[in-house]
Amino acid sequence: MGKRSVAVLIAALVAGSVFTGAPNSGAESAETGVRGAPPGPGVDLDTVTIPELQARMADGSLTSSALTAAYLWRIRTIDPRINAVLRTDPTALRQAAASDARHRHGGTRGPLDGIPVLLKDNVNTRDMPTTAGSLALAGSPPDTDAVLVTRLRDAGAVILGKTNLSEWANFRAAKPTSGWSAVGGQTRNPYVLDRNPCGSSSGSAAALAASLSQVAIGTETDGSIVCPAGMNGVVGHKPSLGLVSRAGVVPISAEQDTAGPLARNVTDAALTFAVLSGGDTPRPGGLRGRRIGLWRLPPLGPEVDAVMTRTAQRLRTAGAEVVEVTPPYQKRLAELEFPALLSEFHRDVDAYLATRHGPRNLAGLIEFNRTHPAERTCFAGQELFERALAAPPVTDPQYRAMRAELKDLSRRSIDETMAAHHLDAIASPTNPPAWTTDCVRGDNDVIPSSTPAAVAGYPSLSVPAGFVNELPVGLLLMAGDRQDTGLLSLGAAVEHRLDAWRAPRYLPSVGAS
């Protein structure tokens, strides 16, 4: 963003009315279709970064209160198009005012102080409901915040609200519809409204694409951060397992679950990850001399493959060496992962439900869904719940052998590929172009480029790579265990070179898929 653009942005923020498009009251924005925007020049928050915002807050030309008010206005006016935000925090402006006081008195708590953050609604908040999209948890809020929320609050972040998600993080039905929950309804893809946002962090990614917050938190077991990031044209970082606390997050599997940041740029994702993990912020890096293995995944189709070809050309032009790779053991990982997750889900969801008001275990949750028709208004099934209830316990030798083999093969699939080709990272397409949302059909099958890193507990990062028929496609980068800072540094360089992000246009449709 140029100096003039930043100055215009800050001036509008100080006035408390950042919005997209409309030049006068009552006009309709070509970008958003929102009517009744306040008077003034059209300004958006699409490209501003946290360091730029902090610089303005430090010199007094911007307040967190104005920034927070701007995002709340955008949620009120733009979110009805995409249905990404379940609720806003009624204390958000008070949190922002407290940050403003810290900025005035030189007591700021770091780069997230005063920065609005949205949370996926499977992350416990003591003062707002945490539902995982299920009516079974829609009563009293949890007793305590998730550990990651405590970290955000301690860092001075403004908790802006909660986002919709695929109910139970897409672990309920055999053929679910991503982005739908009984609590929140259907989230839509901001680029093309009849297309799916992918799951399960659908609301967090769609909200970021629509610039409804500066950053958002998602969670992933396998693909649930990076696929929504790819399909909604934003950045998503799945951290190495264990670097971000899982305490207070609705689980699928302690062996794979992690929370992580979504943002519109790698810089903001890295700063948020540093707060969540208590680690260091990565230093900027370049591409010259870096070796990247390209895993093409031809089943995603020729148009996605063409995006990967253009990506490889641009990286090579910047001095990177790109070689073709095919990580091994993928068929066996696909055979083993799901049966292991069934056993782990039964164990972990029972432990979580015991801490909440409502069904006390998985059997009670299954019965709740049977007796509440609203839980079956999009897809009716809960086959995964029923199979998890009947799955072997995690003490079973067969289960333990499965998980041991999964851990071994997933790590070897990445480690052996990187060692054989002397790689800094493995790259692949994150996602196919978004499919049309259809409750009867459910989701299209996705070729899971996310699986090796997800099962291994290794980091992955999706950055925008290009478009197919107006729909975003991401580039997924994977690296070795706890190599998050290096991956983020590489990802920032890739992002800068590809320069593939563009704002959504909220198109009603682009034809059949």
Protein backbone atom coordinates (compact mmCIF):
# COMPACT_ATOMS: atom_id res chain seq x y z
CA MET A 1 0.00 0.00 0.00
CA GLY A 2 1.38 3.44 -0.92
CA LYS A 3 1.77 6.32 1.50
CA ARG A 4 -1.20 8.18 0.07
CA SER A 5 -3.48 5.14 0.39
CA VAL A 6 -2.43 4.61 4.01
CA ALA A 7 -3.03 8.28 4.79
CA VAL A 8 -6.53 8.14 3.30
CA LEU A 9 -7.23 4.95 5.27
CA ILE A 10 -6.10 6.45 8.54
CA ALA A 11 -8.09 9.63 7.99
CA ALA A 12 -11.22 7.59 7.48
CA LEU A 13 -10.52 5.44 10.53
CA VAL A 14 -10.10 8.47 12.73
CA ALA A 15 -13.48 9.63 11.48
CA GLY A 16 -14.82 6.21 12.55
CA SER A 17 -16.29 5.29 9.18
CA VAL A 18 -14.22 2.90 7.12
CA PHE A 19 -16.28 1.32 4.39
CA THR A 20 -16.03 -0.07 0.90
CA GLY A 21 -17.23 1.63 -2.21
CA ALA A 22 -20.08 4.07 -1.90
CA PRO A 23 -19.17 7.74 -2.49
CA ASN A 24 -22.34 9.15 -0.93
CA SER A 25 -25.13 8.21 1.42
CA GLY A 26 -27.70 5.88 -0.06
CA ALA A 27 -25.48 4.76 -2.92
CA GLU A 28 -24.83 1.08 -3.54
CA SER A 29 -21.26 -0.24 -3.71
CA ALA A 30 -20.42 -2.19 -6.84
CA GLU A 31 -18.11 -4.31 -4.71
CA THR A 32 -20.40 -5.19 -1.82
CA GLY A 33 -23.95 -4.29 -2.79
CA VAL A 34 -24.32 -2.60 0.62
CA ARG A 35 -26.69 0.39 0.64
CA GLY A 36 -26.73 3.35 2.97
CA ALA A 37 -22.97 3.79 3.49
CA PRO A 38 -22.06 6.99 5.37
CA PRO A 39 -20.87 9.96 3.28
CA GLY A 40 -17.22 10.32 2.45
CA PRO A 41 -14.61 8.82 0.09
CA GLY A 42 -14.63 5.04 -0.42
CA VAL A 43 -11.89 3.36 1.66
CA ASP A 44 -11.27 -0.28 2.44
CA LEU A 45 -9.21 -2.23 4.96
CA ASP A 46 -8.17 -4.91 2.51
CA THR A 47 -4.41 -4.32 2.37
CA VAL A 48 -3.45 -2.63 5.63
CA THR A 49 -1.16 -4.69 7.89
CA ILE A 50 -0.83 -4.85 11.65
CA PRO A 51 2.54 -3.03 11.64
CA GLU A 52 0.98 -0.18 9.65
CA LEU A 53 -1.94 0.02 12.06
CA GLN A 54 0.37 -0.02 15.07
CA ALA A 55 2.51 2.75 13.60
CA ARG A 56 -0.58 4.95 13.29
CA MET A 57 -1.78 4.09 16.80
CA ALA A 58 1.68 4.93 18.12
CA ASP A 59 1.69 8.40 16.56
CA GLY A 60 -1.89 9.09 17.62
CA SER A 61 -3.40 9.32 14.14
CA LEU A 62 -5.47 6.17 14.68
CA THR A 63 -7.28 4.69 17.67
CA SER A 64 -8.29 1.11 18.32
CA SER A 65 -11.78 2.44 19.02
CA ALA A 66 -12.05 3.82 15.48
CA LEU A 67 -10.61 0.64 13.99
CA THR A 68 -12.96 -1.57 16.00
CA ALA A 69 -15.96 0.60 15.12
CA ALA A 70 -15.03 0.32 11.45
CA TYR A 71 -14.98 -3.48 11.59
CA LEU A 72 -18.24 -3.59 13.53
CA TRP A 73 -19.80 -1.41 10.83
CA ARG A 74 -18.53 -3.75 8.14
CA ILE A 75 -19.96 -6.75 9.98
CA ARG A 76 -23.37 -5.07 10.24
CA THR A 77 -23.45 -4.05 6.58
CA ILE A 78 -21.48 -6.69 4.68
CA ASP A 79 -21.87 -9.90 6.69
CA PRO A 80 -25.56 -10.40 5.75
CA ARG A 81 -24.25 -11.27 2.27
CA ILE A 82 -22.01 -14.10 3.49
CA ASN A 83 -23.24 -15.07 6.97
CA ALA A 84 -19.76 -15.56 8.46
CA VAL A 85 -20.10 -13.91 11.89
CA LEU A 86 -22.36 -15.51 14.49
CA ARG A 87 -22.17 -12.74 17.07
CA THR A 88 -20.12 -9.73 18.04
CA ASP A 89 -18.74 -9.17 21.52
CA PRO A 90 -20.73 -6.41 23.27
CA THR A 91 -17.56 -5.39 25.12
CA ALA A 92 -15.48 -4.90 21.95
CA LEU A 93 -15.51 -1.11 22.07
CA ARG A 94 -14.66 -1.14 25.79
CA GLN A 95 -11.72 -3.42 25.04
CA ALA A 96 -10.63 -0.99 22.32
CA ALA A 97 -10.91 1.99 24.66
CA ALA A 98 -8.67 0.22 27.17
CA SER A 99 -6.11 -0.32 24.41
CA ASP A 100 -6.30 3.36 23.48
CA ALA A 101 -5.49 4.27 27.07
CA ARG A 102 -2.46 1.97 27.00
CA HIS A 103 -1.27 3.56 23.76
CA ARG A 104 -1.64 7.06 25.22
CA HIS A 105 0.34 6.15 28.32
CA GLY A 106 3.08 4.08 26.67
CA GLY A 107 1.95 0.78 28.15
CA THR A 108 1.16 -1.25 25.04
CA ARG A 109 1.41 -5.03 25.23
CA GLY A 110 2.82 -5.79 21.79
CA PRO A 111 1.80 -5.87 18.13
CA LEU A 112 -1.73 -7.20 18.72
CA ASP A 113 -2.68 -4.50 21.24
CA GLY A 114 -5.87 -2.91 19.94
CA ILE A 115 -6.15 -5.25 16.93
CA PRO A 116 -9.63 -6.78 16.34
CA VAL A 117 -9.71 -10.60 16.24
CA LEU A 118 -12.57 -12.95 15.39
CA LEU A 119 -12.69 -16.43 16.95
CA LYS A 120 -14.09 -19.61 15.45
CA ASP A 121 -17.05 -20.68 17.57
CA ASN A 122 -15.40 -23.85 18.83
CA VAL A 123 -12.94 -21.80 20.92
CA ASN A 124 -14.17 -21.28 24.50
CA THR A 125 -15.06 -17.77 25.60
CA ARG A 126 -16.32 -17.20 29.12
CA ASP A 127 -18.49 -14.22 28.14
CA MET A 128 -20.00 -15.46 24.85
CA PRO A 129 -21.57 -18.78 23.81
CA THR A 130 -19.26 -21.42 22.35
CA THR A 131 -21.37 -23.83 20.33
CA ALA A 132 -19.28 -25.68 17.72
CA GLY A 133 -22.32 -24.79 15.60
CA SER A 134 -24.53 -27.17 17.60
CA LEU A 135 -27.75 -26.30 19.41
CA ALA A 136 -26.63 -28.78 22.07
CA LEU A 137 -24.06 -26.23 23.29
CA ALA A 138 -26.07 -23.08 22.64
CA GLY A 139 -26.96 -22.46 26.30
CA SER A 140 -24.60 -21.14 28.94
CA PRO A 141 -21.09 -20.06 27.92
CA PRO A 142 -18.12 -22.09 29.14
CA ASP A 143 -16.82 -21.30 32.61
CA THR A 144 -13.39 -20.17 31.39
CA ASP A 145 -11.65 -18.91 28.28
CA ALA A 146 -9.57 -21.19 26.11
CA VAL A 147 -5.87 -20.73 26.84
CA LEU A 148 -5.36 -19.16 23.43
CA VAL A 149 -8.06 -16.57 24.20
CA THR A 150 -6.29 -15.71 27.44
CA ARG A 151 -3.11 -15.20 25.41
CA LEU A 152 -4.92 -12.88 23.02
CA ARG A 153 -6.50 -10.88 25.85
CA ASP A 154 -3.15 -10.61 27.66
CA ALA A 155 -1.64 -9.29 24.42
CA GLY A 156 -4.28 -6.55 24.27
CA ALA A 157 -6.18 -7.90 21.26
CA VAL A 158 -9.81 -6.86 20.88
CA ILE A 159 -12.03 -9.95 20.82
CA LEU A 160 -14.49 -8.84 18.16
CA GLY A 161 -16.82 -11.84 18.10
CA LYS A 162 -17.36 -15.45 17.02
CA THR A 163 -17.52 -16.93 13.52
CA ASN A 164 -19.68 -19.64 12.03
CA LEU A 165 -18.16 -23.01 11.20
CA SER A 166 -19.00 -26.39 9.78
CA GLU A 167 -20.91 -27.95 12.68
CA TRP A 168 -18.70 -30.05 14.96
CA ALA A 169 -15.81 -29.08 12.70
CA ASN A 170 -17.18 -31.26 9.86
CA PHE A 171 -17.08 -34.38 12.01
CA ARG A 172 -20.76 -35.35 12.24
CA ALA A 173 -22.12 -36.60 8.91
CA ALA A 174 -20.66 -38.85 6.23
CA LYS A 175 -21.64 -36.30 3.56
CA PRO A 176 -21.73 -32.87 5.24
CA THR A 177 -22.11 -29.44 3.72
CA SER A 178 -19.15 -27.29 4.72
CA GLY A 179 -19.95 -23.94 6.29
CA TRP A 180 -23.35 -25.04 7.62
CA SER A 181 -24.31 -25.28 11.27
CA ALA A 182 -27.64 -25.48 13.04
CA VAL A 183 -26.69 -22.42 15.09
CA GLY A 184 -25.44 -20.23 12.24
CA GLY A 185 -26.93 -21.53 9.00
CA GLN A 186 -24.84 -21.49 5.81
CA THR A 187 -21.73 -19.37 5.30
CA ARG A 188 -21.17 -18.31 1.70
CA ASN A 189 -17.99 -17.73 -0.27
CA PRO A 190 -17.47 -13.95 -0.70
CA TYR A 191 -16.03 -14.36 -4.18
CA VAL A 192 -19.05 -16.20 -5.58
CA LEU A 193 -22.01 -16.42 -3.24
CA ASP A 194 -23.44 -19.73 -4.42
CA ARG A 195 -20.04 -21.41 -3.89
CA ASN A 196 -18.83 -23.11 -0.76
CA PRO A 197 -16.30 -21.59 1.68
CA CYS A 198 -14.83 -25.01 2.59
CA GLY A 199 -14.70 -26.17 6.20
CA SER A 200 -14.55 -26.22 9.00
CA SER A 201 -13.08 -22.73 9.66
CA SER A 202 -15.42 -21.40 6.99
CA GLY A 203 -16.68 -18.36 8.86
CA SER A 204 -13.21 -17.27 9.94
CA ALA A 205 -11.85 -17.42 6.38
CA ALA A 206 -14.89 -15.84 4.72
CA ALA A 207 -14.88 -13.03 7.29
CA LEU A 208 -11.23 -12.30 6.55
CA ALA A 209 -11.86 -12.31 2.80
CA ALA A 210 -14.62 -9.74 3.34
CA SER A 211 -12.38 -7.65 5.65
CA LEU A 212 -14.65 -8.03 8.67
CA SER A 213 -11.69 -8.24 11.08
CA GLN A 214 -7.93 -7.81 10.93
CA VAL A 215 -7.24 -11.45 11.81
CA ALA A 216 -9.22 -14.52 12.82
CA ILE A 217 -8.58 -17.80 14.60
CA GLY A 218 -9.41 -21.14 13.01
CA THR A 219 -8.80 -24.75 14.01
CA GLU A 220 -7.66 -27.76 12.01
CA THR A 221 -7.58 -31.52 12.32
CA ASP A 222 -6.93 -32.07 8.62
CA GLY A 223 -7.52 -29.19 6.21
CA SER A 224 -9.88 -27.07 8.28
CA ILE A 225 -7.62 -23.99 8.33
CA VAL A 226 -5.84 -24.28 5.02
CA CYS A 227 -8.77 -25.34 2.78
CA PRO A 228 -11.00 -22.40 3.86
CA ALA A 229 -7.98 -20.10 3.50
CA GLY A 230 -7.38 -21.34 -0.05
CA MET A 231 -11.03 -21.21 -1.14
CA ASN A 232 -11.56 -17.73 0.34
CA GLY A 233 -8.32 -16.27 -0.98
CA VAL A 234 -6.62 -15.54 2.35
CA VAL A 235 -3.62 -16.77 4.34
CA GLY A 236 -4.03 -19.69 6.76
CA HIS A 237 -1.36 -21.15 9.03
CA LYS A 238 -1.73 -24.58 10.63
CA PRO A 239 0.95 -24.62 13.34
CA SER A 240 3.03 -27.57 14.40
CA LEU A 241 1.14 -29.75 16.85
CA GLY A 242 1.52 -28.56 20.43
CA LEU A 243 2.80 -25.03 19.75
CA VAL A 244 -0.67 -23.55 20.36
CA SER A 245 -2.60 -24.82 23.38
CA ARG A 246 -5.67 -26.98 22.65
CA ALA A 247 -7.11 -26.38 26.13
CA GLY A 248 -10.64 -25.02 25.84
CA VAL A 249 -11.06 -25.86 22.15
CA VAL A 250 -13.83 -28.27 21.12
CA PRO A 251 -11.88 -31.35 20.01
CA ILE A 252 -11.78 -33.98 17.34
CA SER A 253 -8.39 -35.50 18.12
CA ALA A 254 -5.60 -34.49 20.47
CA GLU A 255 -3.23 -36.28 18.08
CA GLN A 256 -3.94 -33.77 15.27
CA ASP A 257 -5.96 -30.77 16.49
CA THR A 258 -4.47 -27.31 16.53
CA ALA A 259 -5.68 -23.74 16.39
CA GLY A 260 -4.00 -21.21 14.13
CA PRO A 261 -4.34 -17.77 12.52
CA LEU A 262 -6.05 -16.66 9.34
CA ALA A 263 -5.20 -13.26 7.88
CA ARG A 264 -5.08 -11.32 4.63
CA ASN A 265 -1.27 -11.36 4.62
CA VAL A 266 1.50 -13.54 6.03
CA THR A 267 2.84 -10.72 8.22
CA ASP A 268 -0.39 -10.54 10.22
CA ALA A 269 -0.61 -14.33 10.46
CA ALA A 270 2.96 -14.52 11.77
CA LEU A 271 2.40 -11.83 14.40
CA THR A 272 -0.75 -13.58 15.59
CA PHE A 273 0.98 -16.96 15.70
CA ALA A 274 3.77 -15.46 17.84
CA VAL A 275 1.16 -14.39 20.40
CA LEU A 276 -0.70 -17.72 20.31
CA SER A 277 2.48 -19.77 20.69
CA GLY A 278 4.62 -17.46 22.80
CA GLY A 279 7.34 -17.73 20.16
CA ASP A 280 9.34 -15.34 18.03
CA THR A 281 8.14 -13.45 14.98
CA PRO A 282 9.94 -14.68 11.83
CA ARG A 283 12.31 -12.39 10.00
CA PRO A 284 11.65 -11.54 6.35
CA GLY A 285 13.41 -13.79 3.88
CA GLY A 286 13.93 -14.10 0.15
CA LEU A 287 13.51 -16.79 -2.49
CA ARG A 288 16.95 -16.82 -4.09
CA GLY A 289 18.59 -20.20 -3.54
CA ARG A 290 15.56 -21.71 -1.82
CA ARG A 291 14.55 -25.19 -2.97
CA ILE A 292 10.85 -25.97 -3.18
CA GLY A 293 9.32 -29.31 -4.15
CA LEU A 294 6.15 -28.99 -6.24
CA TRP A 295 3.54 -31.73 -5.67
CA ARG A 296 1.10 -31.09 -8.49
CA LEU A 297 -1.88 -33.33 -7.57
CA PRO A 298 -3.27 -33.78 -11.13
CA PRO A 299 -6.72 -34.99 -9.89
CA LEU A 300 -7.50 -31.35 -9.03
CA GLY A 301 -7.75 -30.71 -12.77
CA PRO A 302 -5.90 -28.92 -15.58
CA GLU A 303 -6.93 -25.39 -14.56
CA VAL A 304 -5.51 -25.79 -11.05
CA ASP A 305 -2.41 -27.40 -12.54
CA ALA A 306 -2.00 -24.36 -14.80
CA VAL A 307 -2.03 -22.15 -11.68
CA MET A 308 0.74 -24.33 -10.25
CA THR A 309 2.76 -24.04 -13.47
CA ARG A 310 2.53 -20.24 -13.38
CA THR A 311 3.44 -20.30 -9.69
CA ALA A 312 6.55 -22.38 -10.34
CA GLN A 313 7.62 -20.01 -13.14
CA ARG A 314 7.30 -16.97 -10.89
CA LEU A 315 9.23 -18.60 -8.07
CA ARG A 316 12.00 -19.62 -10.46
CA THR A 317 12.16 -16.08 -11.83
CA ALA A 318 12.72 -14.89 -8.25
CA GLY A 319 15.67 -17.23 -7.86
CA ALA A 320 14.09 -20.28 -6.25
CA GLU A 321 14.76 -23.80 -7.47
CA VAL A 322 11.51 -25.71 -8.03
CA VAL A 323 11.60 -29.47 -8.53
CA GLU A 324 8.72 -31.91 -9.04
CA VAL A 325 8.01 -34.31 -6.17
CA THR A 326 5.42 -36.89 -5.13
CA PRO A 327 5.44 -37.59 -1.37
CA PRO A 328 5.05 -41.33 -0.69
CA TYR A 329 2.60 -43.31 1.46
CA GLN A 330 -0.48 -41.18 0.66
CA LYS A 331 -2.80 -44.12 -0.05
CA ARG A 332 -1.95 -45.78 3.25
CA LEU A 333 -2.42 -42.52 5.16
CA ALA A 334 -5.89 -42.18 3.64
CA GLU A 335 -6.77 -45.73 4.71
CA LEU A 336 -5.66 -45.27 8.32
CA GLU A 337 -6.48 -41.69 9.29
CA PHE A 338 -10.26 -41.82 9.53
CA PRO A 339 -10.56 -45.00 11.65
CA ALA A 340 -8.02 -43.56 14.11
CA LEU A 341 -9.88 -40.25 14.33
CA LEU A 342 -13.12 -42.06 15.23
CA SER A 343 -11.57 -43.57 18.37
CA GLU A 344 -9.88 -40.29 19.32
CA PHE A 345 -13.04 -38.25 18.81
CA HIS A 346 -15.04 -40.49 21.16
CA ARG A 347 -12.40 -40.09 23.87
CA ASP A 348 -11.86 -36.35 23.42
CA VAL A 349 -15.42 -35.15 22.87
CA ASP A 350 -16.60 -37.08 25.95
CA ALA A 351 -13.95 -35.28 28.00
CA TYR A 352 -14.98 -31.89 26.58
CA LEU A 353 -18.73 -32.39 27.00
CA ALA A 354 -18.18 -33.25 30.66
CA THR A 355 -17.06 -29.61 31.13
CA ARG A 356 -20.19 -28.05 29.57
CA HIS A 357 -23.90 -27.74 30.23
CA GLY A 358 -25.86 -29.98 27.84
CA PRO A 359 -25.25 -33.54 26.66
CA ARG A 360 -22.63 -35.10 28.90
CA ASN A 361 -21.11 -37.49 26.37
CA LEU A 362 -21.24 -38.60 22.75
CA ALA A 363 -24.20 -40.93 23.32
CA GLY A 364 -26.17 -38.03 24.79
CA LEU A 365 -25.19 -35.81 21.86
CA ILE A 366 -26.45 -38.38 19.36
CA GLU A 367 -29.77 -38.55 21.20
CA PHE A 368 -30.00 -34.75 21.27
CA ASN A 369 -29.68 -34.59 17.48
CA ARG A 370 -32.31 -37.29 17.03
CA THR A 371 -34.84 -35.28 19.03
CA HIS A 372 -34.10 -31.79 17.62
CA PRO A 373 -35.28 -31.40 14.00
CA ALA A 374 -33.41 -28.11 13.59
CA GLU A 375 -30.19 -30.15 13.67
CA ARG A 376 -31.26 -31.86 10.44
CA THR A 377 -32.35 -28.91 8.28
CA CYS A 378 -29.35 -29.10 5.91
CA PHE A 379 -27.84 -32.58 6.14
CA ALA A 380 -29.64 -35.13 8.27
CA GLY A 381 -26.92 -37.59 9.06
CA GLN A 382 -24.72 -38.12 12.10
CA GLU A 383 -23.03 -41.25 10.81
CA LEU A 384 -19.59 -40.22 12.08
CA PHE A 385 -20.93 -39.76 15.61
CA GLU A 386 -22.51 -43.22 15.47
CA ARG A 387 -19.37 -44.83 14.10
CA ALA A 388 -17.22 -43.06 16.70
CA LEU A 389 -19.49 -44.36 19.46
CA ALA A 390 -18.88 -47.92 18.23
CA ALA A 391 -15.14 -47.44 17.51
CA PRO A 392 -12.49 -49.31 19.49
CA PRO A 393 -11.22 -47.42 22.55
CA VAL A 394 -7.81 -45.75 22.35
CA THR A 395 -6.47 -48.52 24.62
CA ASP A 396 -7.19 -51.09 21.90
CA PRO A 397 -3.99 -52.56 20.37
CA GLN A 398 -5.36 -52.27 16.84
CA TYR A 399 -6.05 -48.55 17.30
CA ARG A 400 -2.63 -47.98 18.83
CA ALA A 401 -0.95 -49.73 15.91
CA MET A 402 -2.91 -47.54 13.47
CA ARG A 403 -1.89 -44.30 15.14
CA ALA A 404 1.74 -45.39 15.40
CA GLU A 405 1.81 -46.24 11.68
CA LEU A 406 0.09 -42.96 10.82
CA LYS A 407 2.65 -40.95 12.75
CA ASP A 408 5.55 -42.82 11.19
CA LEU A 409 4.38 -42.72 7.58
CA SER A 410 3.14 -39.13 7.63
CA ARG A 411 6.42 -37.86 9.01
CA ARG A 412 8.42 -39.99 6.58
CA SER A 413 6.32 -38.74 3.66
CA ILE A 414 7.55 -35.22 4.35
CA ASP A 415 10.98 -35.90 5.85
CA GLU A 416 12.08 -38.34 3.12
CA THR A 417 10.84 -36.08 0.32
CA MET A 418 12.59 -33.04 1.75
CA ALA A 419 15.83 -34.92 2.39
CA ALA A 420 15.93 -36.60 -1.02
CA HIS A 421 15.61 -33.28 -2.84
CA HIS A 422 17.30 -31.00 -0.27
CA LEU A 423 14.13 -28.92 0.07
CA ASP A 424 13.21 -25.93 2.18
CA ALA A 425 9.51 -26.75 1.73
CA ILE A 426 7.02 -28.84 -0.22
CA ALA A 427 4.38 -26.93 -2.18
CA SER A 428 1.07 -28.13 -3.58
CA PRO A 429 -2.33 -26.72 -4.52
CA THR A 430 -4.34 -26.09 -1.35
CA ASN A 431 -7.78 -26.56 -2.87
CA PRO A 432 -9.87 -27.02 -5.98
CA PRO A 433 -12.08 -24.13 -7.10
CA ALA A 434 -15.03 -23.86 -4.71
CA TRP A 435 -17.99 -26.09 -5.54
CA THR A 436 -21.61 -24.98 -5.43
CA THR A 437 -23.16 -25.32 -2.00
CA ASP A 438 -25.83 -28.05 -1.98
CA CYS A 439 -27.30 -29.55 1.18
CA VAL A 440 -28.65 -32.57 -0.69
CA ARG A 441 -25.40 -33.46 -2.44
CA GLY A 442 -23.03 -32.33 0.30
CA ASP A 443 -19.41 -31.41 -0.32
CA ASN A 444 -17.40 -32.44 -3.34
CA ASP A 445 -14.48 -34.74 -2.63
CA VAL A 446 -11.26 -32.80 -1.99
CA ILE A 447 -7.83 -34.24 -2.77
CA PRO A 448 -6.24 -33.76 0.66
CA SER A 449 -2.89 -32.06 0.14
CA SER A 450 -3.25 -31.06 3.80
CA THR A 451 -3.07 -34.66 5.09
CA PRO A 452 0.70 -35.29 5.37
CA ALA A 453 1.37 -32.24 7.54
CA ALA A 454 -1.89 -32.60 9.46
CA VAL A 455 -1.27 -36.22 10.44
CA ALA A 456 2.44 -35.67 11.10
CA GLY A 457 1.77 -32.61 13.27
CA TYR A 458 4.03 -30.55 10.99
CA PRO A 459 3.31 -26.94 9.98
CA SER A 460 1.55 -25.91 6.79
CA LEU A 461 0.72 -22.51 5.32
CA SER A 462 -1.67 -21.56 2.53
CA VAL A 463 -1.10 -18.36 0.56
CA PRO A 464 -3.15 -17.06 -2.40
CA ALA A 465 -1.82 -18.40 -5.71
CA GLY A 466 -4.36 -17.44 -8.36
CA PHE A 467 -7.89 -17.86 -9.66
CA VAL A 468 -9.89 -20.33 -11.71
CA ASN A 469 -13.19 -18.95 -13.04
CA GLU A 470 -13.22 -16.11 -10.45
CA LEU A 471 -12.56 -18.57 -7.60
CA PRO A 472 -9.37 -18.48 -5.50
CA VAL A 473 -6.80 -21.26 -5.43
CA GLY A 474 -4.16 -21.40 -2.70
CA LEU A 475 -0.58 -22.65 -2.63
CA LEU A 476 0.07 -24.93 0.34
CA LEU A 477 3.58 -24.92 1.81
CA MET A 478 4.71 -27.68 4.19
CA ALA A 479 7.92 -28.08 6.21
CA GLY A 480 9.41 -30.20 8.98
CA ASP A 481 8.46 -30.40 12.63
CA ARG A 482 8.39 -27.03 14.43
CA GLN A 483 9.80 -25.22 11.42
CA ASP A 484 6.95 -22.70 11.64
CA THR A 485 9.01 -19.51 11.71
CA GLY A 486 11.06 -20.58 8.70
CA LEU A 487 7.91 -21.59 6.83
CA LEU A 488 6.26 -18.24 7.58
CA SER A 489 9.37 -16.40 6.42
CA LEU A 490 9.38 -18.39 3.17
CA GLY A 491 5.63 -17.90 2.83
CA ALA A 492 5.99 -14.12 3.06
CA ALA A 493 8.50 -14.19 0.22
CA VAL A 494 6.24 -16.44 -1.87
CA GLU A 495 3.24 -14.22 -1.16
CA HIS A 496 5.17 -11.11 -2.22
CA ARG A 497 6.30 -12.74 -5.45
CA LEU A 498 2.93 -14.20 -6.44
CA ASP A 499 0.95 -11.06 -5.51
CA ALA A 500 -2.20 -13.08 -6.16
CA TRP A 501 -4.67 -11.56 -3.68
CA ARG A 502 -7.62 -9.51 -4.87
CA ALA A 503 -10.75 -8.36 -3.08
CA PRO A 504 -13.95 -10.39 -3.45
CA ARG A 505 -16.75 -9.06 -5.67
CA TYR A 506 -19.66 -11.00 -4.12
CA LEU A 507 -20.77 -12.39 -7.48
CA PRO A 508 -24.07 -14.28 -7.30
CA SER A 509 -22.82 -17.16 -9.50
CA VAL A 510 -20.31 -18.09 -12.19
CA GLY A 511 -22.03 -21.12 -13.66
CA ALA A 512 -22.35 -24.79 -12.78
CA SER A 513 -19.71 -26.84 -10.97
